[in-house]
Amino acid sequence: PVSKVEEVFCRVMAMNITGNKLEEAGKLARQSQLSPQQINLLRARITVSTTIPMWDILSGEHDPHRRIVNGALIKVLSECHKMKDMDGFSTEEKQQIGNLIEEIEGRFKVAAAKRSGQGTSSREA
């Protein structure tokens, strides 16, 4: 069975909204009776999936937009670390939280490696 968070997430991502996906998500989440924790997870997932493509486009280290994207991802990352230790999540939702943390931290590691001019470490190869 798909978790409610997954269900709402897929519905929101499938919508062709040019506006604020988080706003739509909030409405759907209330209709689907998600708990406040689930709504937080949903918001985190939407932020990451709408932000990461921008991150990929803005490869310039000193691009002002890149800093905004960075800030958004860092905020989500700290939220996810908090959520990881909370009750009220199903096993599958905990997995989603873990995936978000891995995805964001992975991005930052790659960026840091590029900055320091090293390729991937032999451990990752």
PDB file of N, CA and C in Angstrom:
ATOM      1  N   PRO A   1       0.832  -1.208   0.000  1.00  0.00           N
ATOM      2  CA  PRO A   1       0.000   0.000   0.000  1.00  0.00           C
ATOM      3  C   PRO A   1       0.873   1.267   0.000  1.00  0.00           C
ATOM      4  N   VAL A   2       0.517   2.189  -0.847  1.00  0.00           N
ATOM      5  CA  VAL A   2       1.257   3.438  -0.953  1.00  0.00           C
ATOM      6  C   VAL A   2       0.904   4.320   0.236  1.00  0.00           C
ATOM      7  N   SER A   3       1.897   4.961   0.836  1.00  0.00           N
ATOM      8  CA  SER A   3       1.598   5.834   1.966  1.00  0.00           C
ATOM      9  C   SER A   3       0.821   7.051   1.471  1.00  0.00           C
ATOM     10  N   LYS A   4       0.071   7.656   2.383  1.00  0.00           N
ATOM     11  CA  LYS A   4      -0.714   8.837   2.001  1.00  0.00           C
ATOM     12  C   LYS A   4       0.196   9.951   1.525  1.00  0.00           C
ATOM     13  N   VAL A   5       1.370  10.047   2.149  1.00  0.00           N
ATOM     14  CA  VAL A   5       2.305  11.097   1.749  1.00  0.00           C
ATOM     15  C   VAL A   5       2.695  10.892   0.287  1.00  0.00           C
ATOM     16  N   GLU A   6       3.019   9.640  -0.053  1.00  0.00           N
ATOM     17  CA  GLU A   6       3.424   9.304  -1.423  1.00  0.00           C
ATOM     18  C   GLU A   6       2.298   9.638  -2.401  1.00  0.00           C
ATOM     19  N   GLU A   7       1.099   9.293  -1.997  1.00  0.00           N
ATOM     20  CA  GLU A   7      -0.062   9.504  -2.863  1.00  0.00           C
ATOM     21  C   GLU A   7      -0.249  10.993  -3.159  1.00  0.00           C
ATOM     22  N   VAL A   8      -0.251  11.805  -2.108  1.00  0.00           N
ATOM     23  CA  VAL A   8      -0.457  13.245  -2.291  1.00  0.00           C
ATOM     24  C   VAL A   8       0.718  13.834  -3.067  1.00  0.00           C
ATOM     25  N   PHE A   9       1.933  13.378  -2.735  1.00  0.00           N
ATOM     26  CA  PHE A   9       3.133  13.867  -3.417  1.00  0.00           C
ATOM     27  C   PHE A   9       3.006  13.639  -4.931  1.00  0.00           C
ATOM     28  N   CYS A  10       2.630  12.440  -5.322  1.00  0.00           N
ATOM     29  CA  CYS A  10       2.510  12.116  -6.743  1.00  0.00           C
ATOM     30  C   CYS A  10       1.432  12.954  -7.408  1.00  0.00           C
ATOM     31  N   ARG A  11       0.330  13.155  -6.697  1.00  0.00           N
ATOM     32  CA  ARG A  11      -0.749  13.962  -7.275  1.00  0.00           C
ATOM     33  C   ARG A  11      -0.300  15.401  -7.492  1.00  0.00           C
ATOM     34  N   VAL A  12       0.402  15.954  -6.504  1.00  0.00           N
ATOM     35  CA  VAL A  12       0.834  17.349  -6.628  1.00  0.00           C
ATOM     36  C   VAL A  12       1.869  17.481  -7.744  1.00  0.00           C
ATOM     37  N   MET A  13       2.821  16.551  -7.803  1.00  0.00           N
ATOM     38  CA  MET A  13       3.870  16.641  -8.813  1.00  0.00           C
ATOM     39  C   MET A  13       3.296  16.452 -10.218  1.00  0.00           C
ATOM     40  N   ALA A  14       2.191  15.731 -10.311  1.00  0.00           N
ATOM     41  CA  ALA A  14       1.580  15.495 -11.617  1.00  0.00           C
ATOM     42  C   ALA A  14       0.764  16.698 -12.087  1.00  0.00           C
ATOM     43  N   MET A  15       0.394  17.551 -11.148  1.00  0.00           N
ATOM     44  CA  MET A  15      -0.402  18.726 -11.520  1.00  0.00           C
ATOM     45  C   MET A  15       0.453  19.674 -12.311  1.00  0.00           C
ATOM     46  N   ASN A  16      -0.177  20.302 -13.257  1.00  0.00           N
ATOM     47  CA  ASN A  16       0.572  21.256 -14.049  1.00  0.00           C
ATOM     48  C   ASN A  16       0.329  22.643 -13.461  1.00  0.00           C
ATOM     49  N   ILE A  17       0.947  22.904 -12.319  1.00  0.00           N
ATOM     50  CA  ILE A  17       0.744  24.221 -11.719  1.00  0.00           C
ATOM     51  C   ILE A  17       2.010  25.031 -11.874  1.00  0.00           C
ATOM     52  N   THR A  18       1.826  26.242 -12.334  1.00  0.00           N
ATOM     53  CA  THR A  18       2.986  27.110 -12.449  1.00  0.00           C
ATOM     54  C   THR A  18       3.191  27.819 -11.113  1.00  0.00           C
ATOM     55  N   GLY A  19       2.135  27.859 -10.321  1.00  0.00           N
ATOM     56  CA  GLY A  19       2.214  28.558  -9.043  1.00  0.00           C
ATOM     57  C   GLY A  19       2.916  27.750  -7.978  1.00  0.00           C
ATOM     58  N   ASN A  20       2.448  27.894  -6.769  1.00  0.00           N
ATOM     59  CA  ASN A  20       3.108  27.303  -5.631  1.00  0.00           C
ATOM     60  C   ASN A  20       2.618  25.880  -5.381  1.00  0.00           C
ATOM     61  N   LYS A  21       3.470  24.920  -5.647  1.00  0.00           N
ATOM     62  CA  LYS A  21       3.102  23.525  -5.430  1.00  0.00           C
ATOM     63  C   LYS A  21       2.844  23.241  -3.954  1.00  0.00           C
ATOM     64  N   LEU A  22       3.562  23.953  -3.078  1.00  0.00           N
ATOM     65  CA  LEU A  22       3.385  23.718  -1.642  1.00  0.00           C
ATOM     66  C   LEU A  22       1.974  24.101  -1.202  1.00  0.00           C
ATOM     67  N   GLU A  23       1.449  25.149  -1.811  1.00  0.00           N
ATOM     68  CA  GLU A  23       0.100  25.597  -1.458  1.00  0.00           C
ATOM     69  C   GLU A  23      -0.921  24.522  -1.840  1.00  0.00           C
ATOM     70  N   GLU A  24      -0.791  24.026  -3.070  1.00  0.00           N
ATOM     71  CA  GLU A  24      -1.679  22.961  -3.542  1.00  0.00           C
ATOM     72  C   GLU A  24      -1.547  21.737  -2.643  1.00  0.00           C
ATOM     73  N   ALA A  25      -0.320  21.420  -2.285  1.00  0.00           N
ATOM     74  CA  ALA A  25      -0.051  20.257  -1.447  1.00  0.00           C
ATOM     75  C   ALA A  25      -0.771  20.398  -0.117  1.00  0.00           C
ATOM     76  N   GLY A  26      -0.764  21.614   0.421  1.00  0.00           N
ATOM     77  CA  GLY A  26      -1.426  21.867   1.694  1.00  0.00           C
ATOM     78  C   GLY A  26      -2.915  21.566   1.611  1.00  0.00           C
ATOM     79  N   LYS A  27      -3.527  22.006   0.519  1.00  0.00           N
ATOM     80  CA  LYS A  27      -4.965  21.752   0.338  1.00  0.00           C
ATOM     81  C   LYS A  27      -5.233  20.257   0.233  1.00  0.00           C
ATOM     82  N   LEU A  28      -4.465  19.584  -0.618  1.00  0.00           N
ATOM     83  CA  LEU A  28      -4.651  18.147  -0.810  1.00  0.00           C
ATOM     84  C   LEU A  28      -4.376  17.386   0.482  1.00  0.00           C
ATOM     85  N   ALA A  29      -3.366  17.825   1.201  1.00  0.00           N
ATOM     86  CA  ALA A  29      -2.984  17.138   2.436  1.00  0.00           C
ATOM     87  C   ALA A  29      -4.116  17.200   3.451  1.00  0.00           C
ATOM     88  N   ARG A  30      -4.768  18.371   3.509  1.00  0.00           N
ATOM     89  CA  ARG A  30      -5.891  18.497   4.443  1.00  0.00           C
ATOM     90  C   ARG A  30      -7.044  17.595   4.007  1.00  0.00           C
ATOM     91  N   GLN A  31      -7.309  17.552   2.697  1.00  0.00           N
ATOM     92  CA  GLN A  31      -8.374  16.673   2.202  1.00  0.00           C
ATOM     93  C   GLN A  31      -8.052  15.214   2.500  1.00  0.00           C
ATOM     94  N   SER A  32      -6.782  14.851   2.401  1.00  0.00           N
ATOM     95  CA  SER A  32      -6.381  13.461   2.626  1.00  0.00           C
ATOM     96  C   SER A  32      -6.168  13.170   4.110  1.00  0.00           C
ATOM     97  N   GLN A  33      -6.390  14.190   4.936  1.00  0.00           N
ATOM     98  CA  GLN A  33      -6.251  14.055   6.392  1.00  0.00           C
ATOM     99  C   GLN A  33      -4.874  13.563   6.816  1.00  0.00           C
ATOM    100  N   LEU A  34      -3.838  14.191   6.267  1.00  0.00           N
ATOM    101  CA  LEU A  34      -2.483  13.869   6.691  1.00  0.00           C
ATOM    102  C   LEU A  34      -2.237  14.496   8.056  1.00  0.00           C
ATOM    103  N   SER A  35      -1.407  13.848   8.844  1.00  0.00           N
ATOM    104  CA  SER A  35      -1.036  14.410  10.145  1.00  0.00           C
ATOM    105  C   SER A  35      -0.052  15.555   9.917  1.00  0.00           C
ATOM    106  N   PRO A  36       0.126  16.424  10.925  1.00  0.00           N
ATOM    107  CA  PRO A  36       1.100  17.519  10.774  1.00  0.00           C
ATOM    108  C   PRO A  36       2.496  16.998  10.390  1.00  0.00           C
ATOM    109  N   GLN A  37       2.900  15.850  10.965  1.00  0.00           N
ATOM    110  CA  GLN A  37       4.215  15.301  10.613  1.00  0.00           C
ATOM    111  C   GLN A  37       4.251  14.919   9.140  1.00  0.00           C
ATOM    112  N   GLN A  38       3.166  14.290   8.682  1.00  0.00           N
ATOM    113  CA  GLN A  38       3.126  13.853   7.281  1.00  0.00           C
ATOM    114  C   GLN A  38       3.156  15.058   6.347  1.00  0.00           C
ATOM    115  N   ILE A  39       2.495  16.133   6.766  1.00  0.00           N
ATOM    116  CA  ILE A  39       2.501  17.343   5.950  1.00  0.00           C
ATOM    117  C   ILE A  39       3.924  17.898   5.863  1.00  0.00           C
ATOM    118  N   ASN A  40       4.661  17.852   6.975  1.00  0.00           N
ATOM    119  CA  ASN A  40       6.058  18.296   6.948  1.00  0.00           C
ATOM    120  C   ASN A  40       6.888  17.478   5.971  1.00  0.00           C
ATOM    121  N   LEU A  41       6.685  16.179   6.008  1.00  0.00           N
ATOM    122  CA  LEU A  41       7.423  15.294   5.105  1.00  0.00           C
ATOM    123  C   LEU A  41       7.055  15.607   3.653  1.00  0.00           C
ATOM    124  N   LEU A  42       5.768  15.803   3.418  1.00  0.00           N
ATOM    125  CA  LEU A  42       5.294  16.123   2.073  1.00  0.00           C
ATOM    126  C   LEU A  42       5.950  17.409   1.586  1.00  0.00           C
ATOM    127  N   ARG A  43       5.959  18.429   2.419  1.00  0.00           N
ATOM    128  CA  ARG A  43       6.562  19.714   2.041  1.00  0.00           C
ATOM    129  C   ARG A  43       8.047  19.533   1.725  1.00  0.00           C
ATOM    130  N   ALA A  44       8.715  18.735   2.554  1.00  0.00           N
ATOM    131  CA  ALA A  44      10.144  18.493   2.333  1.00  0.00           C
ATOM    132  C   ALA A  44      10.360  17.828   0.980  1.00  0.00           C
ATOM    133  N   ARG A  45       9.549  16.821   0.676  1.00  0.00           N
ATOM    134  CA  ARG A  45       9.714  16.099  -0.584  1.00  0.00           C
ATOM    135  C   ARG A  45       9.452  17.000  -1.786  1.00  0.00           C
ATOM    136  N   ILE A  46       8.417  17.847  -1.683  1.00  0.00           N
ATOM    137  CA  ILE A  46       8.106  18.734  -2.802  1.00  0.00           C
ATOM    138  C   ILE A  46       9.215  19.768  -2.968  1.00  0.00           C
ATOM    139  N   THR A  47       9.692  20.305  -1.856  1.00  0.00           N
ATOM    140  CA  THR A  47      10.773  21.296  -1.944  1.00  0.00           C
ATOM    141  C   THR A  47      11.989  20.691  -2.630  1.00  0.00           C
ATOM    142  N   VAL A  48      12.357  19.477  -2.217  1.00  0.00           N
ATOM    143  CA  VAL A  48      13.529  18.845  -2.810  1.00  0.00           C
ATOM    144  C   VAL A  48      13.308  18.579  -4.294  1.00  0.00           C
ATOM    145  N   SER A  49      12.147  18.043  -4.656  1.00  0.00           N
ATOM    146  CA  SER A  49      12.001  17.693  -6.070  1.00  0.00           C
ATOM    147  C   SER A  49      11.791  18.901  -6.962  1.00  0.00           C
ATOM    148  N   THR A  50      11.396  20.039  -6.390  1.00  0.00           N
ATOM    149  CA  THR A  50      11.288  21.224  -7.234  1.00  0.00           C
ATOM    150  C   THR A  50      12.590  22.028  -7.192  1.00  0.00           C
ATOM    151  N   THR A  51      13.414  21.796  -6.185  1.00  0.00           N
ATOM    152  CA  THR A  51      14.633  22.592  -6.018  1.00  0.00           C
ATOM    153  C   THR A  51      15.839  21.968  -6.703  1.00  0.00           C
ATOM    154  N   ILE A  52      15.930  20.648  -6.655  1.00  0.00           N
ATOM    155  CA  ILE A  52      17.118  19.985  -7.200  1.00  0.00           C
ATOM    156  C   ILE A  52      17.318  20.246  -8.703  1.00  0.00           C
ATOM    157  N   PRO A  53      16.248  20.263  -9.509  1.00  0.00           N
ATOM    158  CA  PRO A  53      16.478  20.608 -10.922  1.00  0.00           C
ATOM    159  C   PRO A  53      17.073  22.010 -11.087  1.00  0.00           C
ATOM    160  N   MET A  54      16.669  22.943 -10.208  1.00  0.00           N
ATOM    161  CA  MET A  54      17.228  24.295 -10.273  1.00  0.00           C
ATOM    162  C   MET A  54      18.707  24.253  -9.902  1.00  0.00           C
ATOM    163  N   TRP A  55      19.026  23.437  -8.913  1.00  0.00           N
ATOM    164  CA  TRP A  55      20.409  23.286  -8.463  1.00  0.00           C
ATOM    165  C   TRP A  55      21.270  22.836  -9.641  1.00  0.00           C
ATOM    166  N   ASP A  56      20.740  21.892 -10.423  1.00  0.00           N
ATOM    167  CA  ASP A  56      21.494  21.360 -11.556  1.00  0.00           C
ATOM    168  C   ASP A  56      21.731  22.418 -12.626  1.00  0.00           C
ATOM    169  N   ILE A  57      20.767  23.326 -12.783  1.00  0.00           N
ATOM    170  CA  ILE A  57      20.914  24.376 -13.795  1.00  0.00           C
ATOM    171  C   ILE A  57      21.907  25.426 -13.302  1.00  0.00           C
ATOM    172  N   LEU A  58      21.792  25.779 -12.021  1.00  0.00           N
ATOM    173  CA  LEU A  58      22.626  26.850 -11.467  1.00  0.00           C
ATOM    174  C   LEU A  58      23.947  26.278 -10.982  1.00  0.00           C
ATOM    175  N   SER A  59      24.811  25.935 -11.911  1.00  0.00           N
ATOM    176  CA  SER A  59      26.044  25.304 -11.452  1.00  0.00           C
ATOM    177  C   SER A  59      27.068  26.342 -10.999  1.00  0.00           C
ATOM    178  N   GLY A  60      26.815  27.608 -11.365  1.00  0.00           N
ATOM    179  CA  GLY A  60      27.770  28.648 -10.990  1.00  0.00           C
ATOM    180  C   GLY A  60      27.817  28.830  -9.483  1.00  0.00           C
ATOM    181  N   GLU A  61      28.997  28.661  -8.925  1.00  0.00           N
ATOM    182  CA  GLU A  61      29.181  28.717  -7.473  1.00  0.00           C
ATOM    183  C   GLU A  61      28.672  30.036  -6.898  1.00  0.00           C
ATOM    184  N   HIS A  62      28.851  31.141  -7.645  1.00  0.00           N
ATOM    185  CA  HIS A  62      28.530  32.449  -7.062  1.00  0.00           C
ATOM    186  C   HIS A  62      27.213  32.997  -7.584  1.00  0.00           C
ATOM    187  N   ASP A  63      26.440  32.153  -8.208  1.00  0.00           N
ATOM    188  CA  ASP A  63      25.124  32.556  -8.670  1.00  0.00           C
ATOM    189  C   ASP A  63      24.263  32.859  -7.446  1.00  0.00           C
ATOM    190  N   PRO A  64      23.694  34.089  -7.357  1.00  0.00           N
ATOM    191  CA  PRO A  64      22.886  34.412  -6.170  1.00  0.00           C
ATOM    192  C   PRO A  64      21.709  33.452  -5.989  1.00  0.00           C
ATOM    193  N   HIS A  65      21.152  32.973  -7.097  1.00  0.00           N
ATOM    194  CA  HIS A  65      20.033  32.041  -6.975  1.00  0.00           C
ATOM    195  C   HIS A  65      20.493  30.730  -6.370  1.00  0.00           C
ATOM    196  N   ARG A  66      21.718  30.380  -6.653  1.00  0.00           N
ATOM    197  CA  ARG A  66      22.271  29.133  -6.126  1.00  0.00           C
ATOM    198  C   ARG A  66      22.258  29.175  -4.591  1.00  0.00           C
ATOM    199  N   ARG A  67      22.556  30.361  -4.052  1.00  0.00           N
ATOM    200  CA  ARG A  67      22.554  30.495  -2.591  1.00  0.00           C
ATOM    201  C   ARG A  67      21.155  30.293  -2.023  1.00  0.00           C
ATOM    202  N   ILE A  68      20.140  30.784  -2.749  1.00  0.00           N
ATOM    203  CA  ILE A  68      18.759  30.614  -2.297  1.00  0.00           C
ATOM    204  C   ILE A  68      18.402  29.131  -2.308  1.00  0.00           C
ATOM    205  N   VAL A  69      18.782  28.462  -3.405  1.00  0.00           N
ATOM    206  CA  VAL A  69      18.504  27.029  -3.541  1.00  0.00           C
ATOM    207  C   VAL A  69      19.219  26.269  -2.428  1.00  0.00           C
ATOM    208  N   ASN A  70      20.485  26.621  -2.219  1.00  0.00           N
ATOM    209  CA  ASN A  70      21.261  26.012  -1.136  1.00  0.00           C
ATOM    210  C   ASN A  70      20.561  26.167   0.196  1.00  0.00           C
ATOM    211  N   GLY A  71      20.114  27.391   0.454  1.00  0.00           N
ATOM    212  CA  GLY A  71      19.451  27.687   1.716  1.00  0.00           C
ATOM    213  C   GLY A  71      18.213  26.830   1.894  1.00  0.00           C
ATOM    214  N   ALA A  72      17.444  26.685   0.810  1.00  0.00           N
ATOM    215  CA  ALA A  72      16.219  25.881   0.868  1.00  0.00           C
ATOM    216  C   ALA A  72      16.561  24.430   1.174  1.00  0.00           C
ATOM    217  N   LEU A  73      17.596  23.909   0.527  1.00  0.00           N
ATOM    218  CA  LEU A  73      17.964  22.514   0.737  1.00  0.00           C
ATOM    219  C   LEU A  73      18.503  22.288   2.146  1.00  0.00           C
ATOM    220  N   ILE A  74      19.272  23.249   2.644  1.00  0.00           N
ATOM    221  CA  ILE A  74      19.821  23.111   4.000  1.00  0.00           C
ATOM    222  C   ILE A  74      18.689  23.097   5.022  1.00  0.00           C
ATOM    223  N   LYS A  75      17.690  23.960   4.781  1.00  0.00           N
ATOM    224  CA  LYS A  75      16.538  24.016   5.677  1.00  0.00           C
ATOM    225  C   LYS A  75      15.807  22.663   5.681  1.00  0.00           C
ATOM    226  N   VAL A  76      15.578  22.119   4.482  1.00  0.00           N
ATOM    227  CA  VAL A  76      14.892  20.839   4.379  1.00  0.00           C
ATOM    228  C   VAL A  76      15.712  19.749   5.063  1.00  0.00           C
ATOM    229  N   LEU A  77      17.023  19.808   4.869  1.00  0.00           N
ATOM    230  CA  LEU A  77      17.896  18.794   5.461  1.00  0.00           C
ATOM    231  C   LEU A  77      17.772  18.806   6.981  1.00  0.00           C
ATOM    232  N   SER A  78      17.767  19.998   7.579  1.00  0.00           N
ATOM    233  CA  SER A  78      17.679  20.037   9.040  1.00  0.00           C
ATOM    234  C   SER A  78      16.297  19.572   9.504  1.00  0.00           C
ATOM    235  N   GLU A  79      15.253  19.916   8.731  1.00  0.00           N
ATOM    236  CA  GLU A  79      13.912  19.400   9.035  1.00  0.00           C
ATOM    237  C   GLU A  79      13.905  17.873   9.016  1.00  0.00           C
ATOM    238  N   CYS A  80      14.523  17.309   7.983  1.00  0.00           N
ATOM    239  CA  CYS A  80      14.538  15.855   7.827  1.00  0.00           C
ATOM    240  C   CYS A  80      15.259  15.189   8.984  1.00  0.00           C
ATOM    241  N   HIS A  81      16.361  15.790   9.414  1.00  0.00           N
ATOM    242  CA  HIS A  81      17.086  15.211  10.550  1.00  0.00           C
ATOM    243  C   HIS A  81      16.222  15.230  11.811  1.00  0.00           C
ATOM    244  N   LYS A  82      15.412  16.285  11.960  1.00  0.00           N
ATOM    245  CA  LYS A  82      14.497  16.341  13.110  1.00  0.00           C
ATOM    246  C   LYS A  82      13.415  15.268  12.963  1.00  0.00           C
ATOM    247  N   MET A  83      12.860  15.167  11.744  1.00  0.00           N
ATOM    248  CA  MET A  83      11.757  14.228  11.516  1.00  0.00           C
ATOM    249  C   MET A  83      12.196  12.789  11.742  1.00  0.00           C
ATOM    250  N   LYS A  84      13.452  12.523  11.427  1.00  0.00           N
ATOM    251  CA  LYS A  84      13.986  11.167  11.533  1.00  0.00           C
ATOM    252  C   LYS A  84      13.765  10.599  12.940  1.00  0.00           C
ATOM    253  N   ASP A  85      13.845  11.492  13.929  1.00  0.00           N
ATOM    254  CA  ASP A  85      13.740  11.041  15.327  1.00  0.00           C
ATOM    255  C   ASP A  85      12.343  11.185  15.901  1.00  0.00           C
ATOM    256  N   MET A  86      11.384  11.573  15.068  1.00  0.00           N
ATOM    257  CA  MET A  86      10.020  11.765  15.576  1.00  0.00           C
ATOM    258  C   MET A  86       9.200  10.501  15.451  1.00  0.00           C
ATOM    259  N   ASP A  87       8.185  10.414  16.299  1.00  0.00           N
ATOM    260  CA  ASP A  87       7.219   9.334  16.147  1.00  0.00           C
ATOM    261  C   ASP A  87       6.159   9.785  15.157  1.00  0.00           C
ATOM    262  N   GLY A  88       5.296   8.861  14.802  1.00  0.00           N
ATOM    263  CA  GLY A  88       4.167   9.233  13.953  1.00  0.00           C
ATOM    264  C   GLY A  88       4.424   9.016  12.473  1.00  0.00           C
ATOM    265  N   PHE A  89       5.534   8.363  12.148  1.00  0.00           N
ATOM    266  CA  PHE A  89       5.796   8.047  10.748  1.00  0.00           C
ATOM    267  C   PHE A  89       5.766   6.547  10.552  1.00  0.00           C
ATOM    268  N   SER A  90       5.245   6.128   9.417  1.00  0.00           N
ATOM    269  CA  SER A  90       5.269   4.700   9.088  1.00  0.00           C
ATOM    270  C   SER A  90       6.689   4.342   8.672  1.00  0.00           C
ATOM    271  N   THR A  91       6.948   3.058   8.571  1.00  0.00           N
ATOM    272  CA  THR A  91       8.273   2.595   8.138  1.00  0.00           C
ATOM    273  C   THR A  91       8.603   3.179   6.770  1.00  0.00           C
ATOM    274  N   GLU A  92       7.601   3.175   5.898  1.00  0.00           N
ATOM    275  CA  GLU A  92       7.832   3.673   4.546  1.00  0.00           C
ATOM    276  C   GLU A  92       8.148   5.169   4.559  1.00  0.00           C
ATOM    277  N   GLU A  93       7.454   5.908   5.427  1.00  0.00           N
ATOM    278  CA  GLU A  93       7.708   7.347   5.508  1.00  0.00           C
ATOM    279  C   GLU A  93       9.098   7.610   6.073  1.00  0.00           C
ATOM    280  N   LYS A  94       9.510   6.786   7.036  1.00  0.00           N
ATOM    281  CA  LYS A  94      10.872   6.937   7.570  1.00  0.00           C
ATOM    282  C   LYS A  94      11.891   6.712   6.457  1.00  0.00           C
ATOM    283  N   GLN A  95      11.579   5.757   5.591  1.00  0.00           N
ATOM    284  CA  GLN A  95      12.438   5.478   4.435  1.00  0.00           C
ATOM    285  C   GLN A  95      12.511   6.704   3.519  1.00  0.00           C
ATOM    286  N   GLN A  96      11.369   7.345   3.300  1.00  0.00           N
ATOM    287  CA  GLN A  96      11.330   8.550   2.461  1.00  0.00           C
ATOM    288  C   GLN A  96      12.216   9.643   3.069  1.00  0.00           C
ATOM    289  N   ILE A  97      12.156   9.779   4.387  1.00  0.00           N
ATOM    290  CA  ILE A  97      12.971  10.789   5.075  1.00  0.00           C
ATOM    291  C   ILE A  97      14.446  10.473   4.853  1.00  0.00           C
ATOM    292  N   GLY A  98      14.790   9.197   5.036  1.00  0.00           N
ATOM    293  CA  GLY A  98      16.174   8.772   4.822  1.00  0.00           C
ATOM    294  C   GLY A  98      16.645   9.066   3.403  1.00  0.00           C
ATOM    295  N   ASN A  99      15.766   8.811   2.436  1.00  0.00           N
ATOM    296  CA  ASN A  99      16.120   9.058   1.036  1.00  0.00           C
ATOM    297  C   ASN A  99      16.384  10.540   0.783  1.00  0.00           C
ATOM    298  N   LEU A 100      15.554  11.396   1.390  1.00  0.00           N
ATOM    299  CA  LEU A 100      15.741  12.837   1.210  1.00  0.00           C
ATOM    300  C   LEU A 100      17.088  13.263   1.769  1.00  0.00           C
ATOM    301  N   ILE A 101      17.405  12.776   2.965  1.00  0.00           N
ATOM    302  CA  ILE A 101      18.673  13.140   3.602  1.00  0.00           C
ATOM    303  C   ILE A 101      19.835  12.712   2.703  1.00  0.00           C
ATOM    304  N   GLU A 102      19.754  11.473   2.207  1.00  0.00           N
ATOM    305  CA  GLU A 102      20.827  10.979   1.339  1.00  0.00           C
ATOM    306  C   GLU A 102      20.959  11.815   0.086  1.00  0.00           C
ATOM    307  N   GLU A 103      19.823  12.149  -0.510  1.00  0.00           N
ATOM    308  CA  GLU A 103      19.860  12.900  -1.753  1.00  0.00           C
ATOM    309  C   GLU A 103      20.491  14.274  -1.556  1.00  0.00           C
ATOM    310  N   ILE A 104      20.058  14.975  -0.510  1.00  0.00           N
ATOM    311  CA  ILE A 104      20.580  16.327  -0.288  1.00  0.00           C
ATOM    312  C   ILE A 104      22.052  16.272   0.105  1.00  0.00           C
ATOM    313  N   GLU A 105      22.391  15.393   1.054  1.00  0.00           N
ATOM    314  CA  GLU A 105      23.784  15.318   1.491  1.00  0.00           C
ATOM    315  C   GLU A 105      24.680  14.891   0.333  1.00  0.00           C
ATOM    316  N   GLY A 106      24.141  14.028  -0.524  1.00  0.00           N
ATOM    317  CA  GLY A 106      24.900  13.597  -1.698  1.00  0.00           C
ATOM    318  C   GLY A 106      25.239  14.783  -2.591  1.00  0.00           C
ATOM    319  N   ARG A 107      24.267  15.656  -2.802  1.00  0.00           N
ATOM    320  CA  ARG A 107      24.499  16.852  -3.627  1.00  0.00           C
ATOM    321  C   ARG A 107      25.607  17.708  -3.037  1.00  0.00           C
ATOM    322  N   PHE A 108      25.524  17.919  -1.728  1.00  0.00           N
ATOM    323  CA  PHE A 108      26.502  18.788  -1.084  1.00  0.00           C
ATOM    324  C   PHE A 108      27.905  18.171  -1.153  1.00  0.00           C
ATOM    325  N   LYS A 109      27.987  16.847  -0.997  1.00  0.00           N
ATOM    326  CA  LYS A 109      29.295  16.183  -1.078  1.00  0.00           C
ATOM    327  C   LYS A 109      29.901  16.359  -2.459  1.00  0.00           C
ATOM    328  N   VAL A 110      29.074  16.173  -3.502  1.00  0.00           N
ATOM    329  CA  VAL A 110      29.569  16.322  -4.870  1.00  0.00           C
ATOM    330  C   VAL A 110      30.045  17.753  -5.088  1.00  0.00           C
ATOM    331  N   ALA A 111      29.244  18.716  -4.612  1.00  0.00           N
ATOM    332  CA  ALA A 111      29.601  20.125  -4.778  1.00  0.00           C
ATOM    333  C   ALA A 111      30.910  20.431  -4.058  1.00  0.00           C
ATOM    334  N   ALA A 112      31.060  19.880  -2.857  1.00  0.00           N
ATOM    335  CA  ALA A 112      32.278  20.124  -2.080  1.00  0.00           C
ATOM    336  C   ALA A 112      33.483  19.504  -2.787  1.00  0.00           C
ATOM    337  N   ALA A 113      33.302  18.326  -3.355  1.00  0.00           N
ATOM    338  CA  ALA A 113      34.389  17.667  -4.061  1.00  0.00           C
ATOM    339  C   ALA A 113      34.810  18.485  -5.285  1.00  0.00           C
ATOM    340  N   LYS A 114      33.802  19.023  -5.992  1.00  0.00           N
ATOM    341  CA  LYS A 114      34.111  19.858  -7.163  1.00  0.00           C
ATOM    342  C   LYS A 114      34.895  21.089  -6.731  1.00  0.00           C
ATOM    343  N   ARG A 115      34.455  21.683  -5.619  1.00  0.00           N
ATOM    344  CA  ARG A 115      35.109  22.892  -5.129  1.00  0.00           C
ATOM    345  C   ARG A 115      36.566  22.632  -4.794  1.00  0.00           C
ATOM    346  N   SER A 116      36.807  21.509  -4.122  1.00  0.00           N
ATOM    347  CA  SER A 116      38.186  21.259  -3.701  1.00  0.00           C
ATOM    348  C   SER A 116      39.002  20.647  -4.840  1.00  0.00           C
ATOM    349  N   GLY A 117      38.344  20.537  -5.999  1.00  0.00           N
ATOM    350  CA  GLY A 117      39.067  20.107  -7.183  1.00  0.00           C
ATOM    351  C   GLY A 117      39.426  18.626  -7.209  1.00  0.00           C
ATOM    352  N   GLN A 118      38.761  17.828  -6.382  1.00  0.00           N
ATOM    353  CA  GLN A 118      39.040  16.395  -6.433  1.00  0.00           C
ATOM    354  C   GLN A 118      37.894  15.715  -7.151  1.00  0.00           C
ATOM    355  N   GLY A 119      38.234  14.610  -7.779  1.00  0.00           N
ATOM    356  CA  GLY A 119      37.175  13.820  -8.397  1.00  0.00           C
ATOM    357  C   GLY A 119      36.524  13.022  -7.291  1.00  0.00           C
ATOM    358  N   THR A 120      35.893  11.917  -7.663  1.00  0.00           N
ATOM    359  CA  THR A 120      35.286  11.081  -6.624  1.00  0.00           C
ATOM    360  C   THR A 120      36.389  10.315  -5.926  1.00  0.00           C
ATOM    361  N   SER A 121      36.193  10.059  -4.666  1.00  0.00           N
ATOM    362  CA  SER A 121      37.220   9.323  -3.911  1.00  0.00           C
ATOM    363  C   SER A 121      37.194   7.870  -4.343  1.00  0.00           C
ATOM    364  N   SER A 122      38.245   7.173  -4.072  1.00  0.00           N
ATOM    365  CA  SER A 122      38.333   5.772  -4.507  1.00  0.00           C
ATOM    366  C   SER A 122      37.267   4.938  -3.817  1.00  0.00           C
ATOM    367  N   ARG A 123      36.812   5.400  -2.656  1.00  0.00           N
ATOM    368  CA  ARG A 123      35.792   4.655  -1.926  1.00  0.00           C
ATOM    369  C   ARG A 123      34.476   4.633  -2.696  1.00  0.00           C
ATOM    370  N   GLU A 124      34.171   5.748  -3.355  1.00  0.00           N
ATOM    371  CA  GLU A 124      32.893   5.813  -4.075  1.00  0.00           C
ATOM    372  C   GLU A 124      32.961   5.090  -5.406  1.00  0.00           C
ATOM    373  N   ALA A 125      34.154   4.941  -5.949  1.00  0.00           N
ATOM    374  CA  ALA A 125      34.293   4.346  -7.284  1.00  0.00           C
ATOM    375  C   ALA A 125      33.911   2.865  -7.265  1.00  0.00           C
TER     376      ALA A 125
END
